[in-house]
Amino acid sequence: MRVVRVWDLPTRVFHWLLLVAVVSLFVTGNVGGNWLVWHMRAGYAVGTLLLFRLAWGVVGGRWSRFASFVPTPARLLSHMRGAPHQVGHNPLGALSVLAMLLVLTAQVGSGLVADDEIAFTGPLYRFVSGETSGLATWYHTGIGKIALLVLVALHLLALVYHRVVKRQALVKAMITGDQAADPPLPLPSADTPATRLLALGLALASALLMVWVASLGMG
């Protein structure tokens, strides 16, 4: 077997930064008190990363694009029947990734309009009704939090399964960017100085957009 570049550097950096930010969300949210300030900052970081990933899912490396891994019903059924899969997200893994991105988006969105009536008010709280904010707060601290915990647990279990049962080092691939494949090798992801510069520009634009959203709470 030979290796092929699957995960470009921007995708790998996004993945590990998202891990740090999500862990920070759980820790600061559970501690509460003055740590809610850092919880909010971690939420802004997750929001920035999600904006970047949305853009990178359109213009990023081949295997990071949504078009390359969003499964069709036919692909999903074929995978469930045991069809071989070489590199990138398999159809079930793709569903897991999409679910994680959607739940995180819902968490960030609900947090932006949440109000715990004690010490925390989201920057977009004043743009929604009290009822909407109450529902968002209820979701953010209840169903959304549980859903995210379940998805994280399933993600970790899937990593263990692939490592122990299928002998696939998925974590290593997200560090090095390369995966093993049988010839003929699939097309690699572009991972050049130019694509990395594009990713940096998108990341800065995403951060500026999130800073602007945060500033709306100061008006």
N, C-alpha and C. Protein backbone atom coordinates (compact mmCIF):
# COMPACT_ATOMS: atom_id res chain seq x y z
N MET A 1 0.84 -1.19 0.00
CA MET A 1 0.00 0.00 0.00
C MET A 1 0.88 1.25 0.00
N ARG A 2 0.35 2.33 -0.56
CA ARG A 2 1.05 3.60 -0.59
C ARG A 2 0.18 4.64 0.11
N VAL A 3 0.78 5.81 0.37
CA VAL A 3 0.02 6.84 1.08
C VAL A 3 -0.37 7.95 0.11
N VAL A 4 -1.47 8.61 0.45
CA VAL A 4 -1.97 9.71 -0.35
C VAL A 4 -2.39 10.83 0.60
N ARG A 5 -2.12 12.08 0.22
CA ARG A 5 -2.52 13.21 1.05
C ARG A 5 -4.04 13.37 0.98
N VAL A 6 -4.65 13.17 2.12
CA VAL A 6 -6.11 13.25 2.22
C VAL A 6 -6.53 14.51 2.96
N TRP A 7 -5.94 14.73 4.14
CA TRP A 7 -6.34 15.89 4.95
C TRP A 7 -5.30 17.00 4.81
N ASP A 8 -5.70 18.09 4.17
CA ASP A 8 -4.79 19.22 4.03
C ASP A 8 -4.54 19.86 5.40
N LEU A 9 -3.50 20.66 5.48
CA LEU A 9 -3.12 21.27 6.76
C LEU A 9 -4.24 22.11 7.38
N PRO A 10 -4.95 22.95 6.62
CA PRO A 10 -6.03 23.72 7.22
C PRO A 10 -7.11 22.84 7.87
N THR A 11 -7.44 21.72 7.25
CA THR A 11 -8.43 20.82 7.82
C THR A 11 -7.92 20.21 9.12
N ARG A 12 -6.65 19.84 9.14
CA ARG A 12 -6.08 19.26 10.36
C ARG A 12 -6.03 20.28 11.49
N VAL A 13 -5.63 21.49 11.18
CA VAL A 13 -5.59 22.54 12.20
C VAL A 13 -7.00 22.81 12.72
N PHE A 14 -7.96 22.88 11.82
CA PHE A 14 -9.36 23.08 12.22
C PHE A 14 -9.79 21.98 13.19
N HIS A 15 -9.50 20.74 12.85
CA HIS A 15 -9.93 19.61 13.65
C HIS A 15 -9.41 19.71 15.09
N TRP A 16 -8.12 19.97 15.25
CA TRP A 16 -7.53 19.99 16.59
C TRP A 16 -7.92 21.24 17.36
N LEU A 17 -8.06 22.37 16.69
CA LEU A 17 -8.54 23.58 17.37
C LEU A 17 -9.98 23.40 17.83
N LEU A 18 -10.79 22.74 17.00
CA LEU A 18 -12.18 22.49 17.40
C LEU A 18 -12.24 21.60 18.63
N LEU A 19 -11.38 20.60 18.68
CA LEU A 19 -11.32 19.72 19.85
C LEU A 19 -11.03 20.52 21.11
N VAL A 20 -10.02 21.38 21.06
CA VAL A 20 -9.65 22.21 22.21
C VAL A 20 -10.81 23.13 22.61
N ALA A 21 -11.44 23.74 21.61
CA ALA A 21 -12.53 24.68 21.89
C ALA A 21 -13.74 23.99 22.50
N VAL A 22 -14.08 22.81 22.01
CA VAL A 22 -15.24 22.08 22.54
C VAL A 22 -14.98 21.61 23.97
N VAL A 23 -13.78 21.11 24.22
CA VAL A 23 -13.44 20.73 25.60
C VAL A 23 -13.53 21.95 26.51
N SER A 24 -13.06 23.08 26.04
CA SER A 24 -13.14 24.31 26.83
C SER A 24 -14.58 24.70 27.11
N LEU A 25 -15.46 24.49 26.13
CA LEU A 25 -16.88 24.78 26.33
C LEU A 25 -17.46 23.94 27.46
N PHE A 26 -17.17 22.65 27.44
CA PHE A 26 -17.72 21.77 28.46
C PHE A 26 -17.19 22.14 29.85
N VAL A 27 -15.89 22.38 29.94
CA VAL A 27 -15.28 22.67 31.24
C VAL A 27 -15.81 23.98 31.81
N THR A 28 -15.73 25.04 31.03
CA THR A 28 -16.16 26.35 31.52
C THR A 28 -17.66 26.42 31.76
N GLY A 29 -18.43 25.73 30.92
CA GLY A 29 -19.88 25.73 31.11
C GLY A 29 -20.30 25.01 32.38
N ASN A 30 -19.62 23.93 32.71
CA ASN A 30 -19.96 23.17 33.91
C ASN A 30 -19.47 23.85 35.19
N VAL A 31 -18.33 24.53 35.11
CA VAL A 31 -17.82 25.24 36.29
C VAL A 31 -18.71 26.44 36.60
N GLY A 32 -19.11 27.16 35.55
CA GLY A 32 -20.01 28.31 35.72
C GLY A 32 -19.33 29.49 36.38
N GLY A 33 -20.13 30.35 36.99
CA GLY A 33 -19.59 31.52 37.67
C GLY A 33 -18.84 32.43 36.72
N ASN A 34 -17.69 32.92 37.18
CA ASN A 34 -16.88 33.82 36.35
C ASN A 34 -16.34 33.13 35.11
N TRP A 35 -16.33 31.79 35.13
CA TRP A 35 -15.82 31.04 33.98
C TRP A 35 -16.74 31.15 32.76
N LEU A 36 -17.96 31.68 32.98
CA LEU A 36 -18.87 31.84 31.85
C LEU A 36 -18.33 32.85 30.83
N VAL A 37 -17.47 33.76 31.30
CA VAL A 37 -16.84 34.69 30.36
C VAL A 37 -15.98 33.90 29.38
N TRP A 38 -15.22 32.93 29.90
CA TRP A 38 -14.40 32.10 29.03
C TRP A 38 -15.24 31.13 28.23
N HIS A 39 -16.39 30.73 28.80
CA HIS A 39 -17.32 29.88 28.04
C HIS A 39 -17.80 30.62 26.80
N MET A 40 -18.10 31.88 26.98
CA MET A 40 -18.56 32.69 25.85
C MET A 40 -17.45 32.85 24.82
N ARG A 41 -16.22 33.06 25.28
CA ARG A 41 -15.10 33.19 24.36
C ARG A 41 -14.85 31.90 23.60
N ALA A 42 -14.97 30.78 24.30
CA ALA A 42 -14.82 29.49 23.62
C ALA A 42 -15.93 29.30 22.59
N GLY A 43 -17.12 29.79 22.90
CA GLY A 43 -18.23 29.71 21.95
C GLY A 43 -17.95 30.53 20.70
N TYR A 44 -17.36 31.72 20.88
CA TYR A 44 -16.97 32.53 19.72
C TYR A 44 -15.92 31.81 18.89
N ALA A 45 -15.00 31.12 19.57
CA ALA A 45 -13.96 30.38 18.86
C ALA A 45 -14.58 29.26 18.03
N VAL A 46 -15.54 28.54 18.62
CA VAL A 46 -16.22 27.48 17.88
C VAL A 46 -16.99 28.07 16.70
N GLY A 47 -17.65 29.20 16.92
CA GLY A 47 -18.37 29.85 15.83
C GLY A 47 -17.45 30.24 14.69
N THR A 48 -16.27 30.76 15.02
CA THR A 48 -15.29 31.12 14.00
C THR A 48 -14.85 29.89 13.22
N LEU A 49 -14.58 28.81 13.93
CA LEU A 49 -14.15 27.57 13.28
C LEU A 49 -15.24 27.01 12.38
N LEU A 50 -16.48 27.10 12.81
CA LEU A 50 -17.59 26.59 11.99
C LEU A 50 -17.75 27.41 10.72
N LEU A 51 -17.62 28.72 10.83
CA LEU A 51 -17.70 29.57 9.64
C LEU A 51 -16.59 29.21 8.65
N PHE A 52 -15.39 29.01 9.20
CA PHE A 52 -14.28 28.61 8.34
C PHE A 52 -14.56 27.28 7.68
N ARG A 53 -15.06 26.31 8.46
CA ARG A 53 -15.28 24.97 7.90
C ARG A 53 -16.36 24.99 6.82
N LEU A 54 -17.34 25.84 6.98
CA LEU A 54 -18.38 25.97 5.96
C LEU A 54 -17.77 26.42 4.64
N ALA A 55 -16.90 27.43 4.72
CA ALA A 55 -16.25 27.92 3.50
C ALA A 55 -15.26 26.89 2.96
N TRP A 56 -14.50 26.27 3.85
CA TRP A 56 -13.49 25.30 3.42
C TRP A 56 -14.15 24.05 2.84
N GLY A 57 -15.35 23.78 3.24
CA GLY A 57 -16.08 22.65 2.69
C GLY A 57 -16.49 22.86 1.24
N VAL A 58 -16.33 24.07 0.77
CA VAL A 58 -16.64 24.41 -0.62
C VAL A 58 -15.37 24.55 -1.46
N VAL A 59 -14.33 25.17 -0.89
CA VAL A 59 -13.13 25.48 -1.69
C VAL A 59 -11.88 24.77 -1.19
N GLY A 60 -11.98 23.96 -0.15
CA GLY A 60 -10.81 23.31 0.43
C GLY A 60 -10.30 22.13 -0.37
N GLY A 61 -9.39 21.37 0.25
CA GLY A 61 -8.84 20.19 -0.40
C GLY A 61 -9.92 19.19 -0.78
N ARG A 62 -9.62 18.38 -1.77
CA ARG A 62 -10.61 17.46 -2.35
C ARG A 62 -11.41 16.70 -1.30
N TRP A 63 -10.74 16.09 -0.33
CA TRP A 63 -11.43 15.23 0.62
C TRP A 63 -12.03 15.99 1.79
N SER A 64 -11.80 17.31 1.83
CA SER A 64 -12.43 18.14 2.85
C SER A 64 -13.71 18.79 2.34
N ARG A 65 -13.94 18.71 1.05
CA ARG A 65 -15.12 19.34 0.48
C ARG A 65 -16.37 18.49 0.75
N PHE A 66 -17.46 19.17 1.05
CA PHE A 66 -18.71 18.46 1.33
C PHE A 66 -19.12 17.59 0.14
N ALA A 67 -18.83 18.07 -1.06
CA ALA A 67 -19.21 17.33 -2.26
C ALA A 67 -18.54 15.97 -2.33
N SER A 68 -17.39 15.82 -1.66
CA SER A 68 -16.66 14.56 -1.75
C SER A 68 -17.11 13.53 -0.73
N PHE A 69 -17.76 13.98 0.35
CA PHE A 69 -18.09 13.00 1.38
C PHE A 69 -19.54 12.97 1.85
N VAL A 70 -20.35 13.96 1.47
CA VAL A 70 -21.76 13.89 1.85
C VAL A 70 -22.37 12.67 1.16
N PRO A 71 -22.86 11.70 1.93
CA PRO A 71 -23.29 10.44 1.32
C PRO A 71 -24.67 10.51 0.68
N THR A 72 -24.79 9.87 -0.46
CA THR A 72 -26.10 9.66 -1.06
C THR A 72 -26.70 8.39 -0.45
N PRO A 73 -28.00 8.20 -0.55
CA PRO A 73 -28.59 6.96 -0.03
C PRO A 73 -27.96 5.72 -0.64
N ALA A 74 -27.60 5.78 -1.91
CA ALA A 74 -27.00 4.63 -2.59
C ALA A 74 -25.62 4.32 -2.00
N ARG A 75 -24.81 5.37 -1.77
CA ARG A 75 -23.48 5.16 -1.19
C ARG A 75 -23.59 4.63 0.23
N LEU A 76 -24.53 5.14 0.97
CA LEU A 76 -24.70 4.69 2.35
C LEU A 76 -25.11 3.23 2.39
N LEU A 77 -26.06 2.84 1.53
CA LEU A 77 -26.51 1.45 1.48
C LEU A 77 -25.38 0.54 1.03
N SER A 78 -24.61 0.97 0.05
CA SER A 78 -23.49 0.18 -0.43
C SER A 78 -22.46 -0.04 0.66
N HIS A 79 -22.21 1.01 1.44
CA HIS A 79 -21.25 0.88 2.55
C HIS A 79 -21.76 -0.08 3.61
N MET A 80 -23.04 0.01 3.91
CA MET A 80 -23.63 -0.87 4.92
C MET A 80 -23.56 -2.33 4.48
N ARG A 81 -23.53 -2.55 3.18
CA ARG A 81 -23.44 -3.92 2.65
C ARG A 81 -22.00 -4.41 2.54
N GLY A 82 -21.06 -3.57 2.96
CA GLY A 82 -19.66 -4.00 3.00
C GLY A 82 -18.80 -3.57 1.85
N ALA A 83 -19.25 -2.59 1.07
CA ALA A 83 -18.44 -2.11 -0.05
C ALA A 83 -17.14 -1.51 0.48
N PRO A 84 -16.00 -1.75 -0.17
CA PRO A 84 -14.73 -1.23 0.32
C PRO A 84 -14.67 0.29 0.26
N HIS A 85 -13.93 0.84 1.20
CA HIS A 85 -13.75 2.29 1.24
C HIS A 85 -12.27 2.57 1.46
N GLN A 86 -11.69 3.47 0.69
CA GLN A 86 -10.26 3.70 0.78
C GLN A 86 -9.88 4.85 1.69
N VAL A 87 -10.16 6.07 1.27
CA VAL A 87 -9.69 7.22 2.04
C VAL A 87 -10.82 8.20 2.29
N GLY A 88 -10.54 9.15 3.19
CA GLY A 88 -11.55 10.14 3.52
C GLY A 88 -12.61 9.57 4.44
N HIS A 89 -13.67 10.34 4.64
CA HIS A 89 -14.77 9.89 5.49
C HIS A 89 -15.59 8.82 4.77
N ASN A 90 -15.82 7.69 5.41
CA ASN A 90 -16.77 6.75 4.83
C ASN A 90 -18.17 7.30 5.06
N PRO A 91 -19.21 6.75 4.41
CA PRO A 91 -20.55 7.33 4.52
C PRO A 91 -21.07 7.49 5.94
N LEU A 92 -20.82 6.50 6.81
CA LEU A 92 -21.26 6.63 8.20
C LEU A 92 -20.46 7.71 8.92
N GLY A 93 -19.16 7.74 8.66
CA GLY A 93 -18.33 8.78 9.25
C GLY A 93 -18.75 10.17 8.79
N ALA A 94 -19.14 10.27 7.52
CA ALA A 94 -19.60 11.55 6.99
C ALA A 94 -20.86 12.02 7.70
N LEU A 95 -21.78 11.09 7.95
CA LEU A 95 -22.99 11.45 8.69
C LEU A 95 -22.66 11.95 10.08
N SER A 96 -21.67 11.30 10.71
CA SER A 96 -21.24 11.72 12.03
C SER A 96 -20.65 13.13 12.00
N VAL A 97 -19.84 13.41 11.00
CA VAL A 97 -19.24 14.74 10.86
C VAL A 97 -20.32 15.79 10.65
N LEU A 98 -21.25 15.52 9.76
CA LEU A 98 -22.33 16.47 9.49
C LEU A 98 -23.18 16.70 10.73
N ALA A 99 -23.48 15.63 11.47
CA ALA A 99 -24.26 15.76 12.70
C ALA A 99 -23.53 16.63 13.71
N MET A 100 -22.21 16.41 13.83
CA MET A 100 -21.41 17.20 14.77
C MET A 100 -21.43 18.67 14.39
N LEU A 101 -21.26 18.96 13.11
CA LEU A 101 -21.26 20.35 12.67
C LEU A 101 -22.62 21.01 12.89
N LEU A 102 -23.69 20.28 12.63
CA LEU A 102 -25.03 20.83 12.82
C LEU A 102 -25.34 21.09 14.29
N VAL A 103 -24.98 20.14 15.15
CA VAL A 103 -25.24 20.30 16.58
C VAL A 103 -24.41 21.44 17.16
N LEU A 104 -23.15 21.54 16.74
CA LEU A 104 -22.31 22.64 17.20
C LEU A 104 -22.85 23.99 16.72
N THR A 105 -23.35 24.03 15.49
CA THR A 105 -23.94 25.25 14.97
C THR A 105 -25.16 25.65 15.79
N ALA A 106 -25.98 24.66 16.13
CA ALA A 106 -27.16 24.92 16.96
C ALA A 106 -26.76 25.40 18.35
N GLN A 107 -25.67 24.83 18.90
CA GLN A 107 -25.20 25.26 20.21
C GLN A 107 -24.71 26.70 20.18
N VAL A 108 -23.93 27.03 19.18
CA VAL A 108 -23.43 28.39 19.06
C VAL A 108 -24.58 29.36 18.82
N GLY A 109 -25.48 29.00 17.90
CA GLY A 109 -26.61 29.87 17.60
C GLY A 109 -27.50 30.11 18.80
N SER A 110 -27.80 29.05 19.54
CA SER A 110 -28.65 29.20 20.73
C SER A 110 -27.93 29.99 21.82
N GLY A 111 -26.61 29.80 21.92
CA GLY A 111 -25.86 30.56 22.92
C GLY A 111 -25.83 32.04 22.63
N LEU A 112 -25.87 32.40 21.37
CA LEU A 112 -25.83 33.82 21.00
C LEU A 112 -27.07 34.58 21.45
N VAL A 113 -28.18 33.88 21.65
CA VAL A 113 -29.41 34.56 22.08
C VAL A 113 -29.87 34.09 23.46
N ALA A 114 -29.03 33.32 24.16
CA ALA A 114 -29.41 32.76 25.45
C ALA A 114 -29.34 33.81 26.57
N ASP A 115 -30.05 33.53 27.65
CA ASP A 115 -30.03 34.39 28.83
C ASP A 115 -30.28 33.50 30.05
N ASP A 116 -29.26 33.34 30.90
CA ASP A 116 -29.44 32.48 32.07
C ASP A 116 -30.06 33.22 33.25
N GLU A 117 -30.38 34.53 33.05
CA GLU A 117 -31.04 35.38 34.05
C GLU A 117 -30.20 35.54 35.32
N ILE A 118 -28.91 35.24 35.22
CA ILE A 118 -28.01 35.41 36.37
C ILE A 118 -26.80 36.23 35.98
N ALA A 119 -25.98 35.65 35.10
CA ALA A 119 -24.71 36.31 34.78
C ALA A 119 -24.39 36.34 33.30
N PHE A 120 -25.20 35.68 32.49
CA PHE A 120 -24.83 35.55 31.08
C PHE A 120 -25.98 35.94 30.18
N THR A 121 -25.67 36.75 29.18
CA THR A 121 -26.64 37.11 28.13
C THR A 121 -25.91 37.11 26.81
N GLY A 122 -26.43 36.38 25.83
CA GLY A 122 -25.80 36.32 24.53
C GLY A 122 -25.83 37.65 23.82
N PRO A 123 -24.89 37.90 22.92
CA PRO A 123 -24.81 39.20 22.25
C PRO A 123 -26.00 39.51 21.34
N LEU A 124 -26.74 38.50 20.94
CA LEU A 124 -27.90 38.73 20.06
C LEU A 124 -29.22 38.62 20.82
N TYR A 125 -29.14 38.60 22.13
CA TYR A 125 -30.34 38.44 22.97
C TYR A 125 -31.37 39.53 22.69
N ARG A 126 -30.90 40.75 22.52
CA ARG A 126 -31.84 41.87 22.35
C ARG A 126 -32.56 41.87 21.02
N PHE A 127 -32.16 40.99 20.12
CA PHE A 127 -32.81 40.93 18.81
C PHE A 127 -33.93 39.90 18.74
N VAL A 128 -34.16 39.16 19.81
CA VAL A 128 -35.21 38.14 19.81
C VAL A 128 -36.15 38.38 20.98
N SER A 129 -37.29 37.70 20.94
CA SER A 129 -38.25 37.83 22.03
C SER A 129 -37.78 37.06 23.25
N GLY A 130 -38.37 37.38 24.39
CA GLY A 130 -38.04 36.67 25.62
C GLY A 130 -38.36 35.19 25.51
N GLU A 131 -39.46 34.87 24.83
CA GLU A 131 -39.85 33.47 24.66
C GLU A 131 -38.82 32.71 23.82
N THR A 132 -38.37 33.35 22.74
CA THR A 132 -37.37 32.71 21.88
C THR A 132 -36.07 32.50 22.64
N SER A 133 -35.67 33.51 23.40
CA SER A 133 -34.45 33.39 24.18
C SER A 133 -34.57 32.28 25.22
N GLY A 134 -35.75 32.18 25.83
CA GLY A 134 -35.97 31.13 26.82
C GLY A 134 -35.86 29.74 26.22
N LEU A 135 -36.45 29.58 25.04
CA LEU A 135 -36.36 28.28 24.36
C LEU A 135 -34.92 27.97 23.97
N ALA A 136 -34.21 28.99 23.49
CA ALA A 136 -32.81 28.80 23.09
C ALA A 136 -31.96 28.42 24.30
N THR A 137 -32.20 29.07 25.44
CA THR A 137 -31.46 28.77 26.65
C THR A 137 -31.74 27.35 27.12
N TRP A 138 -33.00 26.96 27.07
CA TRP A 138 -33.41 25.61 27.46
C TRP A 138 -32.72 24.57 26.57
N TYR A 139 -32.69 24.84 25.27
CA TYR A 139 -32.02 23.91 24.35
C TYR A 139 -30.52 23.89 24.62
N HIS A 140 -29.92 25.05 24.76
CA HIS A 140 -28.47 25.17 24.89
C HIS A 140 -27.95 24.43 26.12
N THR A 141 -28.66 24.54 27.22
CA THR A 141 -28.21 23.94 28.48
C THR A 141 -28.73 22.52 28.69
N GLY A 142 -29.65 22.08 27.82
CA GLY A 142 -30.24 20.76 27.99
C GLY A 142 -30.02 19.84 26.81
N ILE A 143 -30.95 19.83 25.89
CA ILE A 143 -30.93 18.91 24.76
C ILE A 143 -29.65 19.07 23.93
N GLY A 144 -29.28 20.31 23.63
CA GLY A 144 -28.10 20.54 22.80
C GLY A 144 -26.83 20.02 23.45
N LYS A 145 -26.69 20.25 24.74
CA LYS A 145 -25.51 19.79 25.48
C LYS A 145 -25.45 18.26 25.49
N ILE A 146 -26.59 17.63 25.73
CA ILE A 146 -26.63 16.16 25.75
C ILE A 146 -26.33 15.59 24.37
N ALA A 147 -26.92 16.19 23.34
CA ALA A 147 -26.69 15.72 21.97
C ALA A 147 -25.22 15.80 21.61
N LEU A 148 -24.57 16.89 22.03
CA LEU A 148 -23.14 17.05 21.73
C LEU A 148 -22.31 16.01 22.47
N LEU A 149 -22.66 15.75 23.72
CA LEU A 149 -21.95 14.72 24.50
C LEU A 149 -22.08 13.35 23.85
N VAL A 150 -23.28 13.03 23.38
CA VAL A 150 -23.52 11.73 22.73
C VAL A 150 -22.69 11.61 21.46
N LEU A 151 -22.67 12.67 20.66
CA LEU A 151 -21.91 12.64 19.41
C LEU A 151 -20.40 12.51 19.67
N VAL A 152 -19.92 13.20 20.70
CA VAL A 152 -18.50 13.09 21.04
C VAL A 152 -18.18 11.66 21.48
N ALA A 153 -19.05 11.08 22.30
CA ALA A 153 -18.84 9.70 22.75
C ALA A 153 -18.84 8.73 21.57
N LEU A 154 -19.78 8.89 20.64
CA LEU A 154 -19.84 8.02 19.47
C LEU A 154 -18.60 8.19 18.60
N HIS A 155 -18.12 9.42 18.50
CA HIS A 155 -16.92 9.70 17.72
C HIS A 155 -15.72 8.96 18.31
N LEU A 156 -15.58 9.03 19.62
CA LEU A 156 -14.46 8.35 20.29
C LEU A 156 -14.57 6.84 20.14
N LEU A 157 -15.78 6.31 20.28
CA LEU A 157 -15.97 4.87 20.11
C LEU A 157 -15.63 4.42 18.70
N ALA A 158 -15.99 5.25 17.72
CA ALA A 158 -15.68 4.92 16.32
C ALA A 158 -14.18 4.90 16.09
N LEU A 159 -13.46 5.83 16.71
CA LEU A 159 -12.00 5.84 16.59
C LEU A 159 -11.38 4.58 17.17
N VAL A 160 -11.89 4.17 18.33
CA VAL A 160 -11.38 2.95 18.96
C VAL A 160 -11.68 1.73 18.10
N TYR A 161 -12.90 1.68 17.55
CA TYR A 161 -13.30 0.55 16.70
C TYR A 161 -12.40 0.45 15.48
N HIS A 162 -12.16 1.57 14.82
CA HIS A 162 -11.33 1.55 13.62
C HIS A 162 -9.89 1.19 13.95
N ARG A 163 -9.42 1.61 15.13
CA ARG A 163 -8.03 1.32 15.49
C ARG A 163 -7.85 -0.14 15.89
N VAL A 164 -8.78 -0.66 16.70
CA VAL A 164 -8.63 -2.01 17.24
C VAL A 164 -9.12 -3.09 16.28
N VAL A 165 -10.27 -2.86 15.66
CA VAL A 165 -10.88 -3.88 14.82
C VAL A 165 -10.40 -3.80 13.38
N LYS A 166 -10.42 -2.60 12.81
CA LYS A 166 -10.09 -2.46 11.40
C LYS A 166 -8.63 -2.07 11.15
N ARG A 167 -7.90 -1.85 12.23
CA ARG A 167 -6.48 -1.53 12.12
C ARG A 167 -6.23 -0.28 11.28
N GLN A 168 -7.08 0.72 11.45
CA GLN A 168 -6.94 1.97 10.71
C GLN A 168 -6.60 3.08 11.69
N ALA A 169 -5.47 3.73 11.48
CA ALA A 169 -5.00 4.78 12.38
C ALA A 169 -5.57 6.13 11.96
N LEU A 170 -6.84 6.37 12.27
CA LEU A 170 -7.49 7.60 11.84
C LEU A 170 -6.92 8.82 12.54
N VAL A 171 -6.54 8.67 13.79
CA VAL A 171 -5.97 9.80 14.52
C VAL A 171 -4.63 10.21 13.89
N LYS A 172 -3.81 9.23 13.57
CA LYS A 172 -2.53 9.51 12.93
C LYS A 172 -2.73 10.22 11.60
N ALA A 173 -3.75 9.80 10.85
CA ALA A 173 -4.02 10.43 9.56
C ALA A 173 -4.39 11.90 9.73
N MET A 174 -5.09 12.22 10.83
CA MET A 174 -5.46 13.61 11.06
C MET A 174 -4.28 14.43 11.58
N ILE A 175 -3.20 13.77 11.93
CA ILE A 175 -1.98 14.46 12.32
C ILE A 175 -1.06 14.66 11.11
N THR A 176 -0.84 13.59 10.37
CA THR A 176 0.08 13.66 9.22
C THR A 176 -0.60 14.13 7.94
N GLY A 177 -1.90 13.89 7.83
CA GLY A 177 -2.63 14.25 6.62
C GLY A 177 -2.71 13.14 5.60
N ASP A 178 -1.96 12.05 5.81
CA ASP A 178 -1.88 10.98 4.82
C ASP A 178 -2.61 9.72 5.28
N GLN A 179 -3.18 9.01 4.31
CA GLN A 179 -3.80 7.72 4.55
C GLN A 179 -3.26 6.70 3.55
N ALA A 180 -3.20 5.45 3.99
CA ALA A 180 -2.74 4.38 3.11
C ALA A 180 -3.86 3.97 2.16
N ALA A 181 -3.48 3.62 0.93
CA ALA A 181 -4.46 3.20 -0.07
C ALA A 181 -3.79 2.27 -1.06
N ASP A 182 -4.59 1.40 -1.65
CA ASP A 182 -4.10 0.49 -2.68
C ASP A 182 -4.12 1.20 -4.04
N PRO A 183 -3.13 0.96 -4.86
CA PRO A 183 -3.16 1.49 -6.23
C PRO A 183 -4.36 0.91 -6.99
N PRO A 184 -4.92 1.65 -7.94
CA PRO A 184 -4.55 3.02 -8.30
C PRO A 184 -4.98 4.01 -7.22
N LEU A 185 -4.08 4.90 -6.87
CA LEU A 185 -4.33 5.82 -5.78
C LEU A 185 -5.40 6.84 -6.14
N PRO A 186 -6.27 7.17 -5.18
CA PRO A 186 -7.25 8.24 -5.44
C PRO A 186 -6.55 9.58 -5.55
N LEU A 187 -7.21 10.55 -6.14
CA LEU A 187 -6.62 11.87 -6.28
C LEU A 187 -6.39 12.48 -4.91
N PRO A 188 -5.22 13.07 -4.69
CA PRO A 188 -4.93 13.66 -3.38
C PRO A 188 -5.59 15.03 -3.22
N SER A 189 -5.63 15.49 -1.98
CA SER A 189 -6.09 16.84 -1.71
C SER A 189 -4.97 17.83 -2.00
N ALA A 190 -5.31 18.96 -2.56
CA ALA A 190 -4.32 20.02 -2.74
C ALA A 190 -3.92 20.55 -1.37
N ASP A 191 -2.62 20.63 -1.14
CA ASP A 191 -2.12 21.12 0.15
C ASP A 191 -0.83 21.88 -0.11
N THR A 192 -0.99 23.04 -0.72
CA THR A 192 0.14 23.84 -1.18
C THR A 192 0.19 25.16 -0.41
N PRO A 193 1.29 25.91 -0.54
CA PRO A 193 1.34 27.24 0.10
C PRO A 193 0.16 28.12 -0.32
N ALA A 194 -0.26 28.02 -1.57
CA ALA A 194 -1.36 28.85 -2.06
C ALA A 194 -2.67 28.48 -1.36
N THR A 195 -2.94 27.18 -1.23
CA THR A 195 -4.19 26.77 -0.58
C THR A 195 -4.15 27.12 0.91
N ARG A 196 -2.98 27.03 1.51
CA ARG A 196 -2.87 27.38 2.93
C ARG A 196 -3.06 28.88 3.14
N LEU A 197 -2.57 29.68 2.21
CA LEU A 197 -2.77 31.13 2.29
C LEU A 197 -4.25 31.46 2.14
N LEU A 198 -4.93 30.76 1.23
CA LEU A 198 -6.37 30.94 1.07
C LEU A 198 -7.09 30.61 2.37
N ALA A 199 -6.69 29.50 3.00
CA ALA A 199 -7.32 29.09 4.26
C ALA A 199 -7.10 30.15 5.34
N LEU A 200 -5.91 30.71 5.39
CA LEU A 200 -5.63 31.76 6.38
C LEU A 200 -6.53 32.96 6.17
N GLY A 201 -6.72 33.35 4.91
CA GLY A 201 -7.61 34.46 4.62
C GLY A 201 -9.04 34.18 5.04
N LEU A 202 -9.51 32.97 4.78
CA LEU A 202 -10.86 32.59 5.18
C LEU A 202 -10.99 32.56 6.70
N ALA A 203 -9.95 32.09 7.38
CA ALA A 203 -9.98 32.04 8.84
C ALA A 203 -10.05 33.45 9.42
N LEU A 204 -9.28 34.37 8.86
CA LEU A 204 -9.30 35.75 9.35
C LEU A 204 -10.66 36.39 9.09
N ALA A 205 -11.23 36.13 7.92
CA ALA A 205 -12.56 36.67 7.60
C ALA A 205 -13.61 36.10 8.56
N SER A 206 -13.50 34.81 8.88
CA SER A 206 -14.44 34.18 9.81
C SER A 206 -14.31 34.80 11.20
N ALA A 207 -13.07 35.04 11.62
CA ALA A 207 -12.84 35.64 12.94
C ALA A 207 -13.41 37.06 13.00
N LEU A 208 -13.21 37.84 11.94
CA LEU A 208 -13.72 39.20 11.91
C LEU A 208 -15.25 39.21 11.95
N LEU A 209 -15.86 38.27 11.25
CA LEU A 209 -17.31 38.18 11.27
C LEU A 209 -17.82 37.86 12.67
N MET A 210 -17.13 36.94 13.37
CA MET A 210 -17.55 36.59 14.71
C MET A 210 -17.31 37.73 15.68
N VAL A 211 -16.23 38.49 15.49
CA VAL A 211 -15.99 39.68 16.33
C VAL A 211 -17.12 40.68 16.14
N TRP A 212 -17.57 40.84 14.90
CA TRP A 212 -18.69 41.76 14.64
C TRP A 212 -19.96 41.29 15.33
N VAL A 213 -20.24 39.98 15.27
CA VAL A 213 -21.42 39.45 15.94
C VAL A 213 -21.33 39.70 17.45
N ALA A 214 -20.16 39.46 18.02
CA ALA A 214 -19.98 39.69 19.45
C ALA A 214 -20.19 41.16 19.81
N SER A 215 -19.78 42.06 18.91
CA SER A 215 -19.90 43.49 19.19
C SER A 215 -21.35 43.96 19.22
N LEU A 216 -22.25 43.18 18.61
CA LEU A 216 -23.65 43.58 18.60
C LEU A 216 -24.25 43.57 20.00
N GLY A 217 -23.64 42.83 20.90
CA GLY A 217 -24.13 42.80 22.27
C GLY A 217 -23.70 44.00 23.08
N MET A 218 -22.88 44.85 22.50
CA MET A 218 -22.38 46.02 23.23
C MET A 218 -23.17 47.27 22.89
N GLY A 219 -24.13 47.13 21.94
CA GLY A 219 -24.87 48.29 21.54
C GLY A 219 -25.98 48.68 22.51
